[in-house]
């Protein structure tokens, strides 16, 4: 699976051919994705189709540019 953080836009989630893409809600119920291997998830919070992107970021002025970086190691528990 690959997730692309799009500048000023959505999160593009894609899986390789033959791999299943599953997105579930907080209760573990799956969304019906109609066999899609690529979906875009909303980052701006304005989509009428959450969690999926409907392009609202273009109308609401959402502005976020993300540069890849390394995260620190997780804290010990």
C-alpha atoms as a PDB file:
ATOM      1  CA  UNK A   1       0.000   0.000   0.000  1.00  0.00           C
ATOM      2  CA  UNK A   2       1.123   3.547  -0.689  1.00  0.00           C
ATOM      3  CA  UNK A   3      -0.315   6.756   0.792  1.00  0.00           C
ATOM      4  CA  UNK A   4       0.536  10.023  -0.957  1.00  0.00           C
ATOM      5  CA  UNK A   5       0.054  13.263   0.994  1.00  0.00           C
ATOM      6  CA  UNK A   6      -0.961  15.720  -1.716  1.00  0.00           C
ATOM      7  CA  UNK A   7       0.015  19.361  -1.267  1.00  0.00           C
ATOM      8  CA  UNK A   8      -3.105  21.433  -0.544  1.00  0.00           C
ATOM      9  CA  UNK A   9      -5.233  18.330  -1.054  1.00  0.00           C
ATOM     10  CA  UNK A  10      -6.208  14.834  -0.108  1.00  0.00           C
ATOM     11  CA  UNK A  11      -4.482  11.664   0.991  1.00  0.00           C
ATOM     12  CA  UNK A  12      -4.264   9.355  -2.018  1.00  0.00           C
ATOM     13  CA  UNK A  13      -4.380   5.711  -0.915  1.00  0.00           C
ATOM     14  CA  UNK A  14      -3.450   3.061  -3.449  1.00  0.00           C
ATOM     15  CA  UNK A  15      -2.785  -0.658  -3.377  1.00  0.00           C
ATOM     16  CA  UNK A  16      -0.958  -2.856  -5.860  1.00  0.00           C
ATOM     17  CA  UNK A  17      -2.862  -4.926  -8.386  1.00  0.00           C
ATOM     18  CA  UNK A  18      -4.317  -8.005  -6.726  1.00  0.00           C
ATOM     19  CA  UNK A  19      -4.133  -6.427  -3.272  1.00  0.00           C
ATOM     20  CA  UNK A  20      -7.408  -5.615  -1.488  1.00  0.00           C
ATOM     21  CA  UNK A  21      -8.082  -2.122  -0.196  1.00  0.00           C
ATOM     22  CA  UNK A  22     -10.228  -2.010   2.926  1.00  0.00           C
ATOM     23  CA  UNK A  23     -11.341   1.070   4.830  1.00  0.00           C
ATOM     24  CA  UNK A  24     -13.453   0.618   7.957  1.00  0.00           C
ATOM     25  CA  UNK A  25     -15.326   3.013  10.236  1.00  0.00           C
ATOM     26  CA  UNK A  26     -14.763   3.377  13.987  1.00  0.00           C
ATOM     27  CA  UNK A  27     -16.956   0.344  14.638  1.00  0.00           C
ATOM     28  CA  UNK A  28     -15.005  -1.830  12.197  1.00  0.00           C
ATOM     29  CA  UNK A  29     -17.690  -1.779   9.476  1.00  0.00           C
ATOM     30  CA  UNK A  30     -16.173  -1.725   5.979  1.00  0.00           C
ATOM     31  CA  UNK A  31     -16.969   0.934   3.396  1.00  0.00           C
ATOM     32  CA  UNK A  32     -18.082  -0.503   0.060  1.00  0.00           C
ATOM     33  CA  UNK A  33     -15.317   0.577  -2.295  1.00  0.00           C
ATOM     34  CA  UNK A  34     -16.668  -1.076  -5.426  1.00  0.00           C
ATOM     35  CA  UNK A  35     -13.395  -2.848  -6.158  1.00  0.00           C
ATOM     36  CA  UNK A  36     -11.346   0.364  -6.240  1.00  0.00           C
ATOM     37  CA  UNK A  37      -7.598   0.127  -5.769  1.00  0.00           C
ATOM     38  CA  UNK A  38      -7.189   3.918  -5.396  1.00  0.00           C
ATOM     39  CA  UNK A  39      -9.211   6.313  -3.215  1.00  0.00           C
ATOM     40  CA  UNK A  40      -8.647   9.855  -1.951  1.00  0.00           C
ATOM     41  CA  UNK A  41      -9.311  10.696   1.692  1.00  0.00           C
ATOM     42  CA  UNK A  42     -10.256  14.185   2.910  1.00  0.00           C
ATOM     43  CA  UNK A  43      -7.703  16.223   4.870  1.00  0.00           C
ATOM     44  CA  UNK A  44      -9.461  19.598   4.884  1.00  0.00           C
ATOM     45  CA  UNK A  45     -12.523  18.474   6.868  1.00  0.00           C
ATOM     46  CA  UNK A  46     -14.972  20.108   4.444  1.00  0.00           C
ATOM     47  CA  UNK A  47     -15.944  17.109   2.265  1.00  0.00           C
ATOM     48  CA  UNK A  48     -19.623  16.211   2.104  1.00  0.00           C
ATOM     49  CA  UNK A  49     -18.498  12.627   1.482  1.00  0.00           C
ATOM     50  CA  UNK A  50     -16.183  12.065   4.479  1.00  0.00           C
ATOM     51  CA  UNK A  51     -13.893  10.259   4.841  1.00  0.00           C
ATOM     52  CA  UNK A  52     -13.558  10.527   1.057  1.00  0.00           C
ATOM     53  CA  UNK A  53     -12.402  13.647  -0.767  1.00  0.00           C
ATOM     54  CA  UNK A  54     -14.917  15.492  -2.933  1.00  0.00           C
ATOM     55  CA  UNK A  55     -12.632  18.370  -3.959  1.00  0.00           C
ATOM     56  CA  UNK A  56     -13.879  20.758  -1.264  1.00  0.00           C
ATOM     57  CA  UNK A  57     -10.266  21.696  -0.462  1.00  0.00           C
ATOM     58  CA  UNK A  58     -10.232  23.667  -3.729  1.00  0.00           C
ATOM     59  CA  UNK A  59     -13.167  25.824  -2.579  1.00  0.00           C
ATOM     60  CA  UNK A  60     -12.324  26.344   1.111  1.00  0.00           C
ATOM     61  CA  UNK A  61      -8.740  27.541   0.733  1.00  0.00           C
ATOM     62  CA  UNK A  62      -7.155  24.512   2.406  1.00  0.00           C
ATOM     63  CA  UNK A  63      -3.381  25.064   2.432  1.00  0.00           C
ATOM     64  CA  UNK A  64      -1.020  22.359   3.596  1.00  0.00           C
ATOM     65  CA  UNK A  65       2.328  21.431   2.122  1.00  0.00           C
ATOM     66  CA  UNK A  66       4.007  18.435   3.728  1.00  0.00           C
ATOM     67  CA  UNK A  67       7.648  17.424   3.301  1.00  0.00           C
ATOM     68  CA  UNK A  68       8.665  13.851   4.114  1.00  0.00           C
ATOM     69  CA  UNK A  69      10.749  13.441   7.261  1.00  0.00           C
ATOM     70  CA  UNK A  70      11.842  10.748   9.681  1.00  0.00           C
ATOM     71  CA  UNK A  71       9.841  10.293  12.861  1.00  0.00           C
ATOM     72  CA  UNK A  72      11.663   9.673  16.139  1.00  0.00           C
ATOM     73  CA  UNK A  73      11.546   6.119  17.501  1.00  0.00           C
ATOM     74  CA  UNK A  74       8.393   5.319  19.481  1.00  0.00           C
ATOM     75  CA  UNK A  75       8.585   5.947  23.214  1.00  0.00           C
ATOM     76  CA  UNK A  76       9.109   2.882  25.388  1.00  0.00           C
ATOM     77  CA  UNK A  77       6.026   1.736  27.250  1.00  0.00           C
END
